[in-house]
Amino acid sequence: MNPIYLWRNLSLRWKILLPFIGGVLLFSAVTLWHSFRTT
């Protein structure tokens, strides 16, 4: 197995996963903020 190939796959995967996780966290934070604000 080529370590450079593995690193490239990992970095590409994280480039996709990190914005996705950030968006999910931001969405959940906004939803919680709205639910706390309305009550």
C-alpha atoms as a PDB file:
ATOM      1  CA  MET A   1       0.000   0.000   0.000  1.00  0.00           C
ATOM      2  CA  ASN A   2       1.271   3.440  -0.880  1.00  0.00           C
ATOM      3  CA  PRO A   3       1.241   5.818   2.124  1.00  0.00           C
ATOM      4  CA  ILE A   4       0.930   8.848  -0.163  1.00  0.00           C
ATOM      5  CA  TYR A   5      -2.147   7.293  -1.769  1.00  0.00           C
ATOM      6  CA  LEU A   6      -3.645   6.595   1.654  1.00  0.00           C
ATOM      7  CA  TRP A   7      -2.866  10.127   2.843  1.00  0.00           C
ATOM      8  CA  ARG A   8      -4.442  11.604  -0.285  1.00  0.00           C
ATOM      9  CA  ASN A   9      -7.597   9.543   0.244  1.00  0.00           C
ATOM     10  CA  LEU A  10      -7.730  10.486   3.922  1.00  0.00           C
ATOM     11  CA  SER A  11      -7.248  14.184   3.250  1.00  0.00           C
ATOM     12  CA  LEU A  12      -9.878  14.108   0.491  1.00  0.00           C
ATOM     13  CA  ARG A  13     -12.276  12.316   2.818  1.00  0.00           C
ATOM     14  CA  TRP A  14     -11.677  14.856   5.583  1.00  0.00           C
ATOM     15  CA  LYS A  15     -12.101  17.733   3.127  1.00  0.00           C
ATOM     16  CA  ILE A  16     -15.608  16.387   2.488  1.00  0.00           C
ATOM     17  CA  LEU A  17     -16.378  15.281   6.056  1.00  0.00           C
ATOM     18  CA  LEU A  18     -15.251  18.380   7.945  1.00  0.00           C
ATOM     19  CA  PRO A  19     -17.586  20.886   6.208  1.00  0.00           C
ATOM     20  CA  PHE A  20     -20.405  18.318   6.485  1.00  0.00           C
ATOM     21  CA  ILE A  21     -19.853  17.874  10.243  1.00  0.00           C
ATOM     22  CA  GLY A  22     -19.528  21.649  10.649  1.00  0.00           C
ATOM     23  CA  GLY A  23     -22.789  22.201   8.796  1.00  0.00           C
ATOM     24  CA  VAL A  24     -24.593  19.599  10.911  1.00  0.00           C
ATOM     25  CA  LEU A  25     -23.273  21.164  14.128  1.00  0.00           C
ATOM     26  CA  LEU A  26     -24.239  24.648  12.952  1.00  0.00           C
ATOM     27  CA  PHE A  27     -27.725  23.441  11.970  1.00  0.00           C
ATOM     28  CA  SER A  28     -28.267  21.722  15.335  1.00  0.00           C
ATOM     29  CA  ALA A  29     -26.980  24.793  17.197  1.00  0.00           C
ATOM     30  CA  VAL A  30     -29.349  27.098  15.292  1.00  0.00           C
ATOM     31  CA  THR A  31     -32.252  24.696  15.892  1.00  0.00           C
ATOM     32  CA  LEU A  32     -31.493  24.555  19.620  1.00  0.00           C
ATOM     33  CA  TRP A  33     -31.144  28.347  19.761  1.00  0.00           C
ATOM     34  CA  HIS A  34     -34.534  28.808  18.082  1.00  0.00           C
ATOM     35  CA  SER A  35     -36.193  26.261  20.372  1.00  0.00           C
ATOM     36  CA  PHE A  36     -34.747  27.962  23.469  1.00  0.00           C
ATOM     37  CA  ARG A  37     -35.668  31.384  22.127  1.00  0.00           C
ATOM     38  CA  THR A  38     -39.321  30.549  21.423  1.00  0.00           C
ATOM     39  CA  THR A  39     -39.961  28.982  24.835  1.00  0.00           C
END
